């Protein structure tokens, strides 16, 4: 049996593990904010270009990235460590 796993097979997490996970979630949310900001710049470019066929798709992807960032922050907050 690997070290750190109880006999029930459920991995135990201590408060430090949760803090690391919480920080990772918050960093990932911030990274997604950066990606959506960059895509927003690309969206503005597309809106003013000759080829606007991808505008709706890029706008949808930005919304999804922002929603995911909100969800990640919510999960991080719920860890309450």
PDB file of N, CA and C in Angstrom:
ATOM      1  N   UNK A   1       0.854  -1.179   0.000  1.00  0.00           N
ATOM      2  CA  UNK A   1       0.000   0.000   0.000  1.00  0.00           C
ATOM      3  C   UNK A   1       0.902   1.245   0.000  1.00  0.00           C
ATOM      4  N   UNK A   2       0.601   2.252  -0.854  1.00  0.00           N
ATOM      5  CA  UNK A   2       1.407   3.466  -0.883  1.00  0.00           C
ATOM      6  C   UNK A   2       1.328   4.202   0.448  1.00  0.00           C
ATOM      7  N   UNK A   3       2.400   4.893   0.768  1.00  0.00           N
ATOM      8  CA  UNK A   3       2.424   5.681   1.998  1.00  0.00           C
ATOM      9  C   UNK A   3       1.431   6.821   1.910  1.00  0.00           C
ATOM     10  N   UNK A   4       0.837   7.180   3.037  1.00  0.00           N
ATOM     11  CA  UNK A   4      -0.070   8.308   3.092  1.00  0.00           C
ATOM     12  C   UNK A   4      -1.518   7.958   2.779  1.00  0.00           C
ATOM     13  N   UNK A   5      -1.785   6.737   2.361  1.00  0.00           N
ATOM     14  CA  UNK A   5      -3.159   6.342   2.094  1.00  0.00           C
ATOM     15  C   UNK A   5      -3.656   5.444   3.213  1.00  0.00           C
ATOM     16  N   UNK A   6      -4.787   5.780   3.791  1.00  0.00           N
ATOM     17  CA  UNK A   6      -5.343   4.904   4.816  1.00  0.00           C
ATOM     18  C   UNK A   6      -5.841   3.608   4.181  1.00  0.00           C
ATOM     19  N   UNK A   7      -6.125   2.633   4.997  1.00  0.00           N
ATOM     20  CA  UNK A   7      -6.539   1.324   4.492  1.00  0.00           C
ATOM     21  C   UNK A   7      -7.847   1.383   3.718  1.00  0.00           C
ATOM     22  N   UNK A   8      -8.660   2.398   3.935  1.00  0.00           N
ATOM     23  CA  UNK A   8      -9.935   2.496   3.212  1.00  0.00           C
ATOM     24  C   UNK A   8      -9.726   2.922   1.771  1.00  0.00           C
ATOM     25  N   UNK A   9      -8.527   3.357   1.406  1.00  0.00           N
ATOM     26  CA  UNK A   9      -8.250   3.775   0.039  1.00  0.00           C
ATOM     27  C   UNK A   9      -8.549   5.241  -0.211  1.00  0.00           C
ATOM     28  N   UNK A  10      -9.046   5.955   0.788  1.00  0.00           N
ATOM     29  CA  UNK A  10      -9.349   7.372   0.645  1.00  0.00           C
ATOM     30  C   UNK A  10      -8.130   8.172   1.095  1.00  0.00           C
ATOM     31  N   UNK A  11      -7.679   9.066   0.224  1.00  0.00           N
ATOM     32  CA  UNK A  11      -6.502   9.864   0.552  1.00  0.00           C
ATOM     33  C   UNK A  11      -6.885  10.922   1.581  1.00  0.00           C
ATOM     34  N   UNK A  12      -6.075  11.062   2.609  1.00  0.00           N
ATOM     35  CA  UNK A  12      -6.341  12.091   3.600  1.00  0.00           C
ATOM     36  C   UNK A  12      -5.582  13.351   3.226  1.00  0.00           C
ATOM     37  N   UNK A  13      -6.232  14.480   3.388  1.00  0.00           N
ATOM     38  CA  UNK A  13      -5.626  15.774   3.108  1.00  0.00           C
ATOM     39  C   UNK A  13      -5.539  16.559   4.407  1.00  0.00           C
ATOM     40  N   UNK A  14      -4.401  17.178   4.606  1.00  0.00           N
ATOM     41  CA  UNK A  14      -4.294  18.034   5.776  1.00  0.00           C
ATOM     42  C   UNK A  14      -4.517  19.478   5.333  1.00  0.00           C
ATOM     43  N   UNK A  15      -4.509  20.383   6.285  1.00  0.00           N
ATOM     44  CA  UNK A  15      -4.804  21.790   6.002  1.00  0.00           C
ATOM     45  C   UNK A  15      -3.800  22.391   5.025  1.00  0.00           C
ATOM     46  N   UNK A  16      -2.548  21.970   5.106  1.00  0.00           N
ATOM     47  CA  UNK A  16      -1.530  22.497   4.185  1.00  0.00           C
ATOM     48  C   UNK A  16      -1.807  22.042   2.750  1.00  0.00           C
ATOM     49  N   UNK A  17      -2.235  20.794   2.587  1.00  0.00           N
ATOM     50  CA  UNK A  17      -2.610  20.307   1.260  1.00  0.00           C
ATOM     51  C   UNK A  17      -3.763  21.135   0.686  1.00  0.00           C
ATOM     52  N   UNK A  18      -4.745  21.414   1.532  1.00  0.00           N
ATOM     53  CA  UNK A  18      -5.898  22.203   1.090  1.00  0.00           C
ATOM     54  C   UNK A  18      -5.488  23.623   0.712  1.00  0.00           C
ATOM     55  N   UNK A  19      -4.547  24.187   1.461  1.00  0.00           N
ATOM     56  CA  UNK A  19      -4.066  25.537   1.141  1.00  0.00           C
ATOM     57  C   UNK A  19      -3.360  25.556  -0.208  1.00  0.00           C
ATOM     58  N   UNK A  20      -2.607  24.507  -0.494  1.00  0.00           N
ATOM     59  CA  UNK A  20      -1.922  24.411  -1.790  1.00  0.00           C
ATOM     60  C   UNK A  20      -2.957  24.307  -2.911  1.00  0.00           C
ATOM     61  N   UNK A  21      -3.945  23.472  -2.719  1.00  0.00           N
ATOM     62  CA  UNK A  21      -5.001  23.313  -3.720  1.00  0.00           C
ATOM     63  C   UNK A  21      -5.752  24.627  -3.900  1.00  0.00           C
ATOM     64  N   UNK A  22      -6.057  25.280  -2.806  1.00  0.00           N
ATOM     65  CA  UNK A  22      -6.756  26.559  -2.860  1.00  0.00           C
ATOM     66  C   UNK A  22      -5.940  27.590  -3.653  1.00  0.00           C
ATOM     67  N   UNK A  23      -4.645  27.660  -3.382  1.00  0.00           N
ATOM     68  CA  UNK A  23      -3.779  28.584  -4.109  1.00  0.00           C
ATOM     69  C   UNK A  23      -3.710  28.247  -5.589  1.00  0.00           C
ATOM     70  N   UNK A  24      -3.645  26.958  -5.896  1.00  0.00           N
ATOM     71  CA  UNK A  24      -3.616  26.527  -7.300  1.00  0.00           C
ATOM     72  C   UNK A  24      -4.904  26.928  -8.019  1.00  0.00           C
ATOM     73  N   UNK A  25      -6.029  26.754  -7.358  1.00  0.00           N
ATOM     74  CA  UNK A  25      -7.308  27.136  -7.957  1.00  0.00           C
ATOM     75  C   UNK A  25      -7.366  28.642  -8.212  1.00  0.00           C
ATOM     76  N   UNK A  26      -6.905  29.421  -7.252  1.00  0.00           N
ATOM     77  CA  UNK A  26      -6.925  30.877  -7.404  1.00  0.00           C
ATOM     78  C   UNK A  26      -5.967  31.331  -8.513  1.00  0.00           C
ATOM     79  N   UNK A  27      -4.795  30.717  -8.585  1.00  0.00           N
ATOM     80  CA  UNK A  27      -3.843  31.056  -9.654  1.00  0.00           C
ATOM     81  C   UNK A  27      -4.384  30.679 -11.023  1.00  0.00           C
ATOM     82  N   UNK A  28      -4.999  29.529 -11.105  1.00  0.00           N
ATOM     83  CA  UNK A  28      -5.573  29.098 -12.377  1.00  0.00           C
ATOM     84  C   UNK A  28      -6.693  30.044 -12.800  1.00  0.00           C
ATOM     85  N   UNK A  29      -7.518  30.478 -11.855  1.00  0.00           N
ATOM     86  CA  UNK A  29      -8.576  31.442 -12.168  1.00  0.00           C
ATOM     87  C   UNK A  29      -7.974  32.746 -12.683  1.00  0.00           C
ATOM     88  N   UNK A  30      -6.907  33.198 -12.063  1.00  0.00           N
ATOM     89  CA  UNK A  30      -6.237  34.423 -12.529  1.00  0.00           C
ATOM     90  C   UNK A  30      -5.646  34.233 -13.921  1.00  0.00           C
ATOM     91  N   UNK A  31      -5.080  33.059 -14.168  1.00  0.00           N
ATOM     92  CA  UNK A  31      -4.550  32.767 -15.508  1.00  0.00           C
ATOM     93  C   UNK A  31      -5.665  32.795 -16.547  1.00  0.00           C
ATOM     94  N   UNK A  32      -6.815  32.232 -16.210  1.00  0.00           N
ATOM     95  CA  UNK A  32      -7.947  32.248 -17.126  1.00  0.00           C
ATOM     96  C   UNK A  32      -8.445  33.669 -17.373  1.00  0.00           C
ATOM     97  N   UNK A  33      -8.384  34.511 -16.339  1.00  0.00           N
ATOM     98  CA  UNK A  33      -8.729  35.924 -16.522  1.00  0.00           C
ATOM     99  C   UNK A  33      -7.806  36.573 -17.553  1.00  0.00           C
ATOM    100  N   UNK A  34      -6.522  36.246 -17.462  1.00  0.00           N
ATOM    101  CA  UNK A  34      -5.557  36.790 -18.418  1.00  0.00           C
ATOM    102  C   UNK A  34      -5.827  36.317 -19.837  1.00  0.00           C
ATOM    103  N   UNK A  35      -6.154  35.045 -19.975  1.00  0.00           N
ATOM    104  CA  UNK A  35      -6.463  34.499 -21.304  1.00  0.00           C
ATOM    105  C   UNK A  35      -7.712  35.173 -21.863  1.00  0.00           C
ATOM    106  N   UNK A  36      -8.736  35.343 -21.036  1.00  0.00           N
ATOM    107  CA  UNK A  36      -9.962  35.970 -21.532  1.00  0.00           C
ATOM    108  C   UNK A  36      -9.724  37.433 -21.885  1.00  0.00           C
ATOM    109  N   UNK A  37      -8.855  38.100 -21.154  1.00  0.00           N
ATOM    110  CA  UNK A  37      -8.510  39.488 -21.479  1.00  0.00           C
ATOM    111  C   UNK A  37      -7.801  39.558 -22.833  1.00  0.00           C
ATOM    112  N   UNK A  38      -6.876  38.635 -23.059  1.00  0.00           N
ATOM    113  CA  UNK A  38      -6.191  38.593 -24.353  1.00  0.00           C
ATOM    114  C   UNK A  38      -7.165  38.269 -25.482  1.00  0.00           C
ATOM    115  N   UNK A  39      -8.077  37.344 -25.233  1.00  0.00           N
ATOM    116  CA  UNK A  39      -9.080  37.011 -26.248  1.00  0.00           C
ATOM    117  C   UNK A  39     -10.013  38.191 -26.509  1.00  0.00           C
ATOM    118  N   UNK A  40     -10.290  38.992 -25.488  1.00  0.00           N
ATOM    119  CA  UNK A  40     -11.131  40.173 -25.679  1.00  0.00           C
ATOM    120  C   UNK A  40     -10.450  41.148 -26.641  1.00  0.00           C
ATOM    121  N   UNK A  41      -9.132  41.271 -26.543  1.00  0.00           N
ATOM    122  CA  UNK A  41      -8.400  42.101 -27.503  1.00  0.00           C
ATOM    123  C   UNK A  41      -8.496  41.532 -28.901  1.00  0.00           C
ATOM    124  N   UNK A  42      -8.381  40.229 -29.003  1.00  0.00           N
ATOM    125  CA  UNK A  42      -8.506  39.565 -30.307  1.00  0.00           C
ATOM    126  C   UNK A  42      -9.926  39.745 -30.851  1.00  0.00           C
ATOM    127  N   UNK A  43     -10.907  39.683 -29.968  1.00  0.00           N
ATOM    128  CA  UNK A  43     -12.295  39.871 -30.372  1.00  0.00           C
ATOM    129  C   UNK A  43     -12.505  41.267 -30.960  1.00  0.00           C
ATOM    130  N   UNK A  44     -11.945  42.276 -30.310  1.00  0.00           N
ATOM    131  CA  UNK A  44     -12.063  43.642 -30.840  1.00  0.00           C
ATOM    132  C   UNK A  44     -11.444  43.742 -32.231  1.00  0.00           C
ATOM    133  N   UNK A  45     -10.304  43.086 -32.406  1.00  0.00           N
ATOM    134  CA  UNK A  45      -9.664  43.063 -33.724  1.00  0.00           C
ATOM    135  C   UNK A  45     -10.595  42.404 -34.749  1.00  0.00           C
ATOM    136  N   UNK A  46     -11.157  41.250 -34.385  1.00  0.00           N
ATOM    137  CA  UNK A  46     -12.048  40.538 -35.306  1.00  0.00           C
ATOM    138  C   UNK A  46     -13.278  41.358 -35.668  1.00  0.00           C
ATOM    139  N   UNK A  47     -13.808  42.081 -34.691  1.00  0.00           N
ATOM    140  CA  UNK A  47     -15.013  42.879 -34.932  1.00  0.00           C
ATOM    141  C   UNK A  47     -14.773  43.972 -35.961  1.00  0.00           C
ATOM    142  N   UNK A  48     -13.537  44.403 -36.098  1.00  0.00           N
ATOM    143  CA  UNK A  48     -13.216  45.494 -37.026  1.00  0.00           C
ATOM    144  C   UNK A  48     -12.496  44.998 -38.271  1.00  0.00           C
ATOM    145  N   UNK A  49     -12.406  43.701 -38.428  1.00  0.00           N
ATOM    146  CA  UNK A  49     -11.720  43.155 -39.596  1.00  0.00           C
ATOM    147  C   UNK A  49     -12.730  42.797 -40.679  1.00  0.00           C
ATOM    148  N   UNK A  50     -12.217  42.437 -41.812  1.00  0.00           N
ATOM    149  CA  UNK A  50     -13.067  42.039 -42.931  1.00  0.00           C
ATOM    150  C   UNK A  50     -13.741  40.702 -42.652  1.00  0.00           C
ATOM    151  N   UNK A  51     -13.021  39.812 -41.983  1.00  0.00           N
ATOM    152  CA  UNK A  51     -13.518  38.467 -41.717  1.00  0.00           C
ATOM    153  C   UNK A  51     -14.061  38.396 -40.294  1.00  0.00           C
ATOM    154  N   UNK A  52     -15.373  38.530 -40.133  1.00  0.00           N
ATOM    155  CA  UNK A  52     -15.983  38.554 -38.799  1.00  0.00           C
ATOM    156  C   UNK A  52     -16.699  37.254 -38.436  1.00  0.00           C
ATOM    157  N   UNK A  53     -16.466  36.196 -39.194  1.00  0.00           N
ATOM    158  CA  UNK A  53     -17.203  34.948 -38.970  1.00  0.00           C
ATOM    159  C   UNK A  53     -16.905  34.302 -37.625  1.00  0.00           C
ATOM    160  N   UNK A  54     -15.765  34.584 -37.015  1.00  0.00           N
ATOM    161  CA  UNK A  54     -15.398  33.953 -35.742  1.00  0.00           C
ATOM    162  C   UNK A  54     -15.771  34.785 -34.519  1.00  0.00           C
ATOM    163  N   UNK A  55     -16.383  35.943 -34.720  1.00  0.00           N
ATOM    164  CA  UNK A  55     -16.677  36.853 -33.608  1.00  0.00           C
ATOM    165  C   UNK A  55     -17.544  36.170 -32.545  1.00  0.00           C
ATOM    166  N   UNK A  56     -18.629  35.542 -32.964  1.00  0.00           N
ATOM    167  CA  UNK A  56     -19.539  34.920 -31.995  1.00  0.00           C
ATOM    168  C   UNK A  56     -18.856  33.783 -31.225  1.00  0.00           C
ATOM    169  N   UNK A  57     -18.065  32.995 -31.922  1.00  0.00           N
ATOM    170  CA  UNK A  57     -17.376  31.875 -31.268  1.00  0.00           C
ATOM    171  C   UNK A  57     -16.358  32.371 -30.234  1.00  0.00           C
ATOM    172  N   UNK A  58     -15.602  33.401 -30.594  1.00  0.00           N
ATOM    173  CA  UNK A  58     -14.610  33.949 -29.658  1.00  0.00           C
ATOM    174  C   UNK A  58     -15.319  34.562 -28.455  1.00  0.00           C
ATOM    175  N   UNK A  59     -16.411  35.273 -28.682  1.00  0.00           N
ATOM    176  CA  UNK A  59     -17.173  35.862 -27.575  1.00  0.00           C
ATOM    177  C   UNK A  59     -17.692  34.765 -26.639  1.00  0.00           C
ATOM    178  N   UNK A  60     -18.171  33.667 -27.202  1.00  0.00           N
ATOM    179  CA  UNK A  60     -18.646  32.545 -26.394  1.00  0.00           C
ATOM    180  C   UNK A  60     -17.511  31.933 -25.567  1.00  0.00           C
ATOM    181  N   UNK A  61     -16.354  31.788 -26.164  1.00  0.00           N
ATOM    182  CA  UNK A  61     -15.209  31.226 -25.440  1.00  0.00           C
ATOM    183  C   UNK A  61     -14.779  32.137 -24.291  1.00  0.00           C
ATOM    184  N   UNK A  62     -14.848  33.442 -24.503  1.00  0.00           N
ATOM    185  CA  UNK A  62     -14.518  34.392 -23.431  1.00  0.00           C
ATOM    186  C   UNK A  62     -15.498  34.216 -22.272  1.00  0.00           C
ATOM    187  N   UNK A  63     -16.776  34.110 -22.586  1.00  0.00           N
ATOM    188  CA  UNK A  63     -17.788  33.911 -21.534  1.00  0.00           C
ATOM    189  C   UNK A  63     -17.523  32.619 -20.762  1.00  0.00           C
ATOM    190  N   UNK A  64     -17.175  31.560 -21.463  1.00  0.00           N
ATOM    191  CA  UNK A  64     -16.898  30.277 -20.809  1.00  0.00           C
ATOM    192  C   UNK A  64     -15.665  30.366 -19.912  1.00  0.00           C
ATOM    193  N   UNK A  65     -14.625  31.043 -20.386  1.00  0.00           N
ATOM    194  CA  UNK A  65     -13.418  31.209 -19.566  1.00  0.00           C
ATOM    195  C   UNK A  65     -13.729  31.990 -18.300  1.00  0.00           C
ATOM    196  N   UNK A  66     -14.501  33.062 -18.443  1.00  0.00           N
ATOM    197  CA  UNK A  66     -14.853  33.876 -17.276  1.00  0.00           C
ATOM    198  C   UNK A  66     -15.709  33.085 -16.292  1.00  0.00           C
ATOM    199  N   UNK A  67     -16.639  32.287 -16.805  1.00  0.00           N
ATOM    200  CA  UNK A  67     -17.481  31.467 -15.925  1.00  0.00           C
ATOM    201  C   UNK A  67     -16.647  30.416 -15.191  1.00  0.00           C
ATOM    202  N   UNK A  68     -15.691  29.840 -15.885  1.00  0.00           N
ATOM    203  CA  UNK A  68     -14.827  28.845 -15.252  1.00  0.00           C
ATOM    204  C   UNK A  68     -13.978  29.494 -14.164  1.00  0.00           C
ATOM    205  N   UNK A  69     -13.466  30.690 -14.419  1.00  0.00           N
ATOM    206  CA  UNK A  69     -12.678  31.398 -13.401  1.00  0.00           C
ATOM    207  C   UNK A  69     -13.524  31.662 -12.158  1.00  0.00           C
ATOM    208  N   UNK A  70     -14.763  32.054 -12.354  1.00  0.00           N
ATOM    209  CA  UNK A  70     -15.674  32.283 -11.220  1.00  0.00           C
ATOM    210  C   UNK A  70     -15.894  30.979 -10.460  1.00  0.00           C
ATOM    211  N   UNK A  71     -16.119  29.897 -11.186  1.00  0.00           N
ATOM    212  CA  UNK A  71     -16.329  28.591 -10.545  1.00  0.00           C
ATOM    213  C   UNK A  71     -15.101  28.157  -9.736  1.00  0.00           C
ATOM    214  N   UNK A  72     -13.911  28.349 -10.299  1.00  0.00           N
ATOM    215  CA  UNK A  72     -12.683  27.969  -9.589  1.00  0.00           C
ATOM    216  C   UNK A  72     -12.518  28.775  -8.309  1.00  0.00           C
ATOM    217  N   UNK A  73     -12.806  30.064  -8.383  1.00  0.00           N
ATOM    218  CA  UNK A  73     -12.711  30.901  -7.173  1.00  0.00           C
ATOM    219  C   UNK A  73     -13.738  30.469  -6.133  1.00  0.00           C
ATOM    220  N   UNK A  74     -14.908  30.072  -6.586  1.00  0.00           N
ATOM    221  CA  UNK A  74     -15.940  29.589  -5.670  1.00  0.00           C
ATOM    222  C   UNK A  74     -15.480  28.327  -4.958  1.00  0.00           C
ATOM    223  N   UNK A  75     -14.915  27.401  -5.691  1.00  0.00           N
ATOM    224  CA  UNK A  75     -14.407  26.161  -5.090  1.00  0.00           C
ATOM    225  C   UNK A  75     -13.287  26.495  -4.104  1.00  0.00           C
ATOM    226  N   UNK A  76     -12.376  27.373  -4.487  1.00  0.00           N
ATOM    227  CA  UNK A  76     -11.281  27.755  -3.590  1.00  0.00           C
ATOM    228  C   UNK A  76     -11.806  28.360  -2.302  1.00  0.00           C
ATOM    229  N   UNK A  77     -12.819  29.199  -2.413  1.00  0.00           N
ATOM    230  CA  UNK A  77     -13.401  29.836  -1.230  1.00  0.00           C
ATOM    231  C   UNK A  77     -14.081  28.798  -0.328  1.00  0.00           C
ATOM    232  N   UNK A  78     -14.710  27.808  -0.928  1.00  0.00           N
ATOM    233  CA  UNK A  78     -15.421  26.781  -0.153  1.00  0.00           C
ATOM    234  C   UNK A  78     -14.467  25.860   0.603  1.00  0.00           C
ATOM    235  N   UNK A  79     -13.206  25.800   0.173  1.00  0.00           N
ATOM    236  CA  UNK A  79     -12.251  24.972   0.901  1.00  0.00           C
ATOM    237  C   UNK A  79     -12.056  25.479   2.320  1.00  0.00           C
ATOM    238  N   UNK A  80     -12.242  26.788   2.509  1.00  0.00           N
ATOM    239  CA  UNK A  80     -12.250  27.395   3.845  1.00  0.00           C
ATOM    240  C   UNK A  80     -11.079  26.941   4.717  1.00  0.00           C
ATOM    241  N   UNK A  81      -9.874  27.160   4.191  1.00  0.00           N
ATOM    242  CA  UNK A  81      -8.714  26.795   4.998  1.00  0.00           C
ATOM    243  C   UNK A  81      -7.986  28.041   5.306  1.00  0.00           C
TER     244      UNK A  81
END
